[in-house]
Protein backbone atom coordinates (compact mmCIF):
# COMPACT_ATOMS: atom_id res chain seq x y z
CA MET A 1 164.24 7.80 -23.88
CA THR A 2 164.27 10.82 -26.22
CA GLN A 3 161.62 13.52 -26.22
CA GLU A 4 160.35 12.28 -29.57
CA GLN A 5 159.97 8.73 -28.26
CA HIS A 6 158.00 10.19 -25.36
CA PHE A 7 155.93 12.22 -27.85
CA PHE A 8 154.75 9.17 -29.79
CA ASP A 9 154.49 6.83 -26.80
CA PHE A 10 152.25 9.35 -25.04
CA ALA A 11 150.20 9.81 -28.22
CA ALA A 12 149.64 6.05 -28.29
CA GLU A 13 148.69 6.01 -24.61
CA THR A 14 146.11 8.75 -25.01
CA GLY A 15 144.84 7.40 -28.34
CA LEU A 16 145.51 10.59 -30.32
CA THR A 17 147.45 10.96 -33.55
CA LYS A 18 146.98 13.88 -35.87
CA HIS A 19 147.98 15.25 -39.24
CA PHE A 20 147.54 18.63 -40.82
CA GLY A 21 144.35 19.18 -42.77
CA SER A 22 142.49 16.48 -40.85
CA VAL A 23 139.62 14.68 -42.61
CA GLN A 24 139.48 17.18 -45.48
CA ALA A 25 143.11 16.44 -46.38
CA THR A 26 142.46 12.71 -46.17
CA GLU A 27 139.47 13.04 -48.50
CA LYS A 28 141.56 15.00 -51.00
CA MET A 29 144.15 12.25 -50.90
CA VAL A 30 141.42 9.68 -51.53
CA GLU A 31 140.26 11.64 -54.57
CA LEU A 32 143.75 12.06 -56.04
CA CYS A 33 144.73 8.43 -55.38
CA GLN A 34 141.42 7.24 -56.89
CA ILE A 35 140.58 5.14 -53.84
CA ASP A 36 137.22 3.37 -53.96
CA SER A 37 135.58 0.21 -52.67
CA GLU A 38 137.78 -1.96 -54.90
CA SER A 39 141.07 -0.46 -53.69
CA TYR A 40 143.65 -2.17 -51.52
CA VAL A 41 145.39 0.58 -49.52
CA LEU A 42 148.49 0.72 -47.36
CA ASP A 43 148.51 3.43 -44.68
CA VAL A 44 152.12 3.89 -43.57
CA GLY A 45 152.52 5.34 -40.09
CA SER A 46 148.88 4.65 -39.33
CA GLY A 47 149.11 5.80 -35.71
CA VAL A 48 146.01 4.89 -33.73
CA GLY A 49 144.24 3.76 -36.91
CA ALA A 50 141.95 6.75 -37.42
CA THR A 51 142.52 7.12 -41.17
CA ALA A 52 142.64 3.39 -41.92
CA CYS A 53 139.35 2.79 -40.14
CA TYR A 54 137.82 5.90 -41.71
CA LEU A 55 138.70 4.69 -45.20
CA ALA A 56 137.26 1.25 -44.55
CA LYS A 57 134.09 2.63 -42.99
CA THR A 58 133.49 5.40 -45.54
CA TYR A 59 134.68 3.84 -48.81
CA GLY A 60 134.46 0.12 -48.08
CA CYS A 61 138.04 -0.53 -49.21
CA ARG A 62 140.54 -2.94 -47.70
CA VAL A 63 143.31 -1.24 -45.73
CA VAL A 64 146.54 -2.37 -44.12
CA GLY A 65 147.98 0.01 -41.54
CA VAL A 66 151.58 -0.18 -40.35
CA ASP A 67 153.30 1.71 -37.56
CA ILE A 68 156.69 1.41 -35.94
CA LEU A 69 155.22 1.41 -32.41
CA PRO A 70 153.45 -1.74 -31.10
CA LYS A 71 151.25 0.40 -28.84
CA MET A 72 149.92 2.28 -31.87
CA VAL A 73 149.04 -1.03 -33.51
CA GLU A 74 147.23 -2.11 -30.36
CA ARG A 75 145.19 1.10 -30.32
CA SER A 76 144.41 0.68 -34.03
CA GLN A 77 143.05 -2.81 -33.49
CA GLU A 78 140.85 -1.53 -30.68
CA ARG A 79 139.52 1.20 -32.98
CA ALA A 80 138.78 -1.30 -35.77
CA VAL A 81 136.69 -3.39 -33.41
CA LYS A 82 134.87 -0.33 -32.08
CA MET A 83 134.09 0.93 -35.61
CA ASN A 84 133.07 -2.54 -36.80
CA VAL A 85 135.57 -2.66 -39.68
CA ILE A 86 137.73 -5.51 -38.43
CA ASP A 87 136.91 -7.50 -41.59
CA LEU A 88 138.37 -4.75 -43.80
CA VAL A 89 141.45 -3.56 -41.92
CA GLU A 90 144.55 -5.12 -40.46
CA PHE A 91 147.47 -3.60 -38.59
CA GLN A 92 151.05 -4.61 -37.98
CA VAL A 93 154.38 -3.23 -36.81
CA ALA A 94 156.67 -2.14 -39.66
CA ASP A 95 159.24 0.49 -40.64
CA ALA A 96 158.44 2.85 -43.52
CA GLN A 97 161.99 2.34 -44.81
CA ASP A 98 161.68 -1.47 -44.93
CA LEU A 99 158.12 -2.53 -45.68
CA PRO A 100 157.40 -6.26 -45.20
CA PHE A 101 155.35 -6.65 -48.40
CA GLU A 102 155.99 -8.07 -51.83
CA ASP A 103 156.31 -5.87 -54.91
CA GLY A 104 153.12 -4.57 -56.48
CA ARG A 105 150.70 -5.55 -53.71
CA PHE A 106 148.67 -2.36 -53.19
CA ASP A 107 146.63 0.03 -55.31
CA ALA A 108 147.68 3.02 -53.21
CA VAL A 109 150.11 3.89 -50.43
CA ILE A 110 149.36 6.95 -48.31
CA THR A 111 151.20 8.70 -45.47
CA GLU A 112 150.04 11.57 -43.28
CA SER A 113 152.68 13.42 -41.24
CA VAL A 114 154.96 10.38 -41.44
CA THR A 115 157.58 10.77 -44.17
CA SER A 116 158.88 13.92 -42.47
CA PHE A 117 160.50 11.68 -39.85
CA PRO A 118 162.59 8.91 -41.50
CA SER A 119 166.29 9.63 -41.81
CA ASP A 120 166.24 8.44 -45.42
CA LYS A 121 163.10 9.89 -46.98
CA GLN A 122 164.04 8.73 -50.47
CA LEU A 123 164.35 5.15 -49.25
CA ALA A 124 160.90 5.39 -47.69
CA VAL A 125 159.35 6.75 -50.91
CA ASN A 126 161.16 4.04 -52.88
CA GLU A 127 159.53 1.46 -50.61
CA TYR A 128 156.08 3.00 -51.06
CA THR A 129 156.52 2.84 -54.82
CA ARG A 130 157.86 -0.72 -54.78
CA VAL A 131 154.75 -2.13 -53.09
CA ILE A 132 152.17 -0.48 -55.38
CA LYS A 133 150.92 -1.99 -58.59
CA PRO A 134 151.67 -0.42 -61.97
CA GLY A 135 149.17 2.40 -62.34
CA GLY A 136 148.87 2.71 -58.55
CA PHE A 137 149.39 5.86 -56.50
CA VAL A 138 151.67 7.17 -53.77
CA GLY A 139 150.14 9.99 -51.74
CA LEU A 140 151.91 12.08 -49.11
CA ASN A 141 150.45 14.67 -46.75
CA GLU A 142 153.52 16.17 -45.10
CA SER A 143 154.84 19.21 -43.22
CA THR A 144 156.24 21.66 -45.76
CA TRP A 145 158.30 24.83 -45.64
CA LEU A 146 156.39 27.39 -47.68
CA LYS A 147 159.27 29.89 -47.47
CA VAL A 148 162.95 29.34 -46.73
CA PRO A 149 165.04 29.72 -44.76
CA PRO A 150 162.68 29.63 -41.76
CA PRO A 151 163.68 31.40 -38.54
CA GLN A 152 165.47 29.13 -36.08
CA GLU A 153 162.86 29.78 -33.39
CA LEU A 154 160.20 28.49 -35.78
CA VAL A 155 162.26 25.38 -36.58
CA ALA A 156 162.56 24.71 -32.85
CA TRP A 157 158.84 25.27 -32.30
CA VAL A 158 157.88 22.89 -35.12
CA ARG A 159 160.10 20.17 -33.67
CA GLN A 160 158.53 20.76 -30.27
CA ASP A 161 154.98 20.56 -31.62
CA VAL A 162 155.30 17.92 -34.35
CA GLY A 163 158.18 15.76 -33.12
CA GLY A 164 161.87 16.15 -32.34
CA THR A 165 163.39 14.74 -35.53
CA VAL A 166 160.80 16.09 -37.96
CA GLU A 167 162.43 17.48 -41.08
CA PRO A 168 159.94 19.26 -43.33
CA LEU A 169 160.99 19.77 -46.92
CA THR A 170 160.03 22.46 -49.38
CA ALA A 171 157.41 21.60 -52.00
CA GLU A 172 160.22 21.17 -54.51
CA GLY A 173 161.99 18.79 -52.14
CA TRP A 174 158.94 16.58 -51.67
CA LYS A 175 158.19 16.55 -55.36
CA GLU A 176 161.78 15.60 -56.16
CA LEU A 177 161.45 12.44 -54.05
CA LEU A 178 158.53 11.34 -56.23
CA VAL A 179 160.28 12.29 -59.45
CA LYS A 180 163.46 10.39 -58.54
CA VAL A 181 161.57 7.15 -58.04
CA GLY A 182 159.90 7.55 -61.43
CA LEU A 183 156.38 8.50 -60.42
CA GLN A 184 154.33 10.33 -63.04
CA ASP A 185 151.45 12.82 -63.26
CA ILE A 186 152.54 14.40 -59.99
CA VAL A 187 150.04 16.67 -58.26
CA VAL A 188 151.13 19.22 -55.62
CA ILE A 189 148.69 21.07 -53.34
CA LEU A 190 150.06 23.47 -50.72
CA LYS A 191 148.14 24.72 -47.69
CA LYS A 192 148.81 27.05 -44.79
CA VAL A 193 148.14 25.73 -41.29
CA ASP A 194 145.15 27.34 -39.62
CA VAL A 195 145.30 26.58 -35.89
CA LYS A 196 141.55 27.00 -35.28
CA SER A 197 140.70 24.83 -38.26
CA GLU A 198 143.13 22.15 -37.06
CA SER A 199 141.44 22.13 -33.64
CA ARG A 200 138.02 21.70 -35.25
CA GLY A 201 139.48 18.96 -37.40
CA ILE A 202 140.53 16.93 -34.35
CA LEU A 203 136.98 17.15 -33.01
CA GLN A 204 135.56 16.12 -36.38
CA ARG A 205 138.04 13.24 -36.68
CA TYR A 206 137.47 11.70 -33.26
CA GLY A 207 134.07 13.03 -32.21
CA LEU A 208 133.20 14.60 -28.86
CA GLY A 209 133.09 11.23 -27.08
CA GLY A 210 136.46 10.20 -28.48
CA LEU A 211 138.02 13.54 -27.59
CA LEU A 212 136.71 13.37 -24.01
CA SER A 213 138.07 9.84 -23.71
CA MET A 214 141.51 11.03 -24.87
CA LEU A 215 141.48 13.90 -22.38
CA ALA A 216 140.59 11.48 -19.58
CA ARG A 217 143.46 9.18 -20.58
CA ALA A 218 145.84 12.15 -20.72
CA PHE A 219 144.75 13.27 -17.24
CA ARG A 220 145.29 9.80 -15.78
CA LEU A 221 148.68 9.60 -17.51
CA TYR A 222 149.64 13.00 -16.10
CA LEU A 223 148.78 11.87 -12.57
CA ARG A 224 150.69 8.59 -12.64
CA ASN A 225 153.64 9.19 -14.98
CA PRO A 226 156.36 11.71 -14.02
CA ASN A 227 157.88 11.49 -17.51
CA TYR A 228 154.60 12.71 -18.98
CA ARG A 229 154.45 15.58 -16.50
CA GLN A 230 157.95 16.60 -17.56
CA PHE A 231 156.96 16.32 -21.22
CA VAL A 232 153.94 18.60 -20.69
CA LYS A 233 156.18 21.09 -18.88
CA GLU A 234 158.64 21.15 -21.80
CA VAL A 235 155.83 21.65 -24.31
CA LYS A 236 154.54 24.60 -22.29
CA GLN A 237 158.02 26.07 -22.21
CA GLY A 238 158.02 25.97 -26.00
CA GLY A 239 155.81 29.05 -25.84
CA LEU A 240 153.27 30.53 -28.19
CA ILE A 241 153.19 30.08 -31.96
CA PRO A 242 156.06 32.15 -33.42
CA GLN A 243 155.39 35.27 -35.44
CA ASP A 244 154.90 34.71 -39.18
CA PHE A 245 154.25 31.01 -38.53
CA ASP A 246 151.87 30.68 -41.48
CA VAL A 247 154.23 32.52 -43.83
CA TYR A 248 156.92 29.87 -43.48
CA PHE A 249 155.19 26.66 -42.40
CA GLY A 250 152.33 24.65 -43.86
CA TYR A 251 151.61 21.27 -45.32
CA GLY A 252 151.43 19.79 -48.76
CA ILE A 253 149.64 16.96 -50.50
CA PHE A 254 151.88 15.26 -53.05
CA VAL A 255 150.56 12.46 -55.24
CA GLY A 256 152.21 10.54 -58.05
CA ARG A 257 151.24 7.56 -60.22
CA LYS A 258 153.40 4.54 -60.97
CA GLY A 259 153.87 3.87 -64.67
CA PHE A 260 152.81 0.69 -66.40
């Protein structure tokens, strides 16, 4: 099993998935994608279901979440029951590059730290666009190079922290994916990553009880699983955040509308 497979399997086990900008970035995506109680939303790469359940709970919209890992789907379903939104959300296993939905089904498709991973990003964005209705929105919140070329030690650190095959694009690169598929009225918002703010965001997203539960799961996993202990060791060996981290690396919100 690759390090990245370990990365996401362990995230599913502990019940933690994250994206840059946390709840504030999600709320900005909601605003730009015009999501409200009448919307039908697809959350691609929904992880443990935090955003899908948040949207259902906060805005009262219907949400479908898909993830490539069955364990993530299992965690998502548990979260939906716990948050009492099981009547508004559903989860299933699916690949971002081959979505199992008919054309024009959703009002909006969103991804958060997901489209950085597929080998064919354009194919994934094409799929997002295919399944939205005319006038609907595609919204991406993705790792972005703010300055290029980044130092190799920073590239290595990002892959260690975010996932082994992550391939951030520049803002121009992300925007081009939306342009090529014919999306209109494209909005681009770039942000630097603030480590302290990201830590607070995890607490806000999951709450103190949820965070303590994740830490307890991680501790139990560390005790019983030698692969996890090795993974933690490798992460520690990755070292501190490289110098000029926030000069080169950040995240972007990219939203486009499908024409009529």
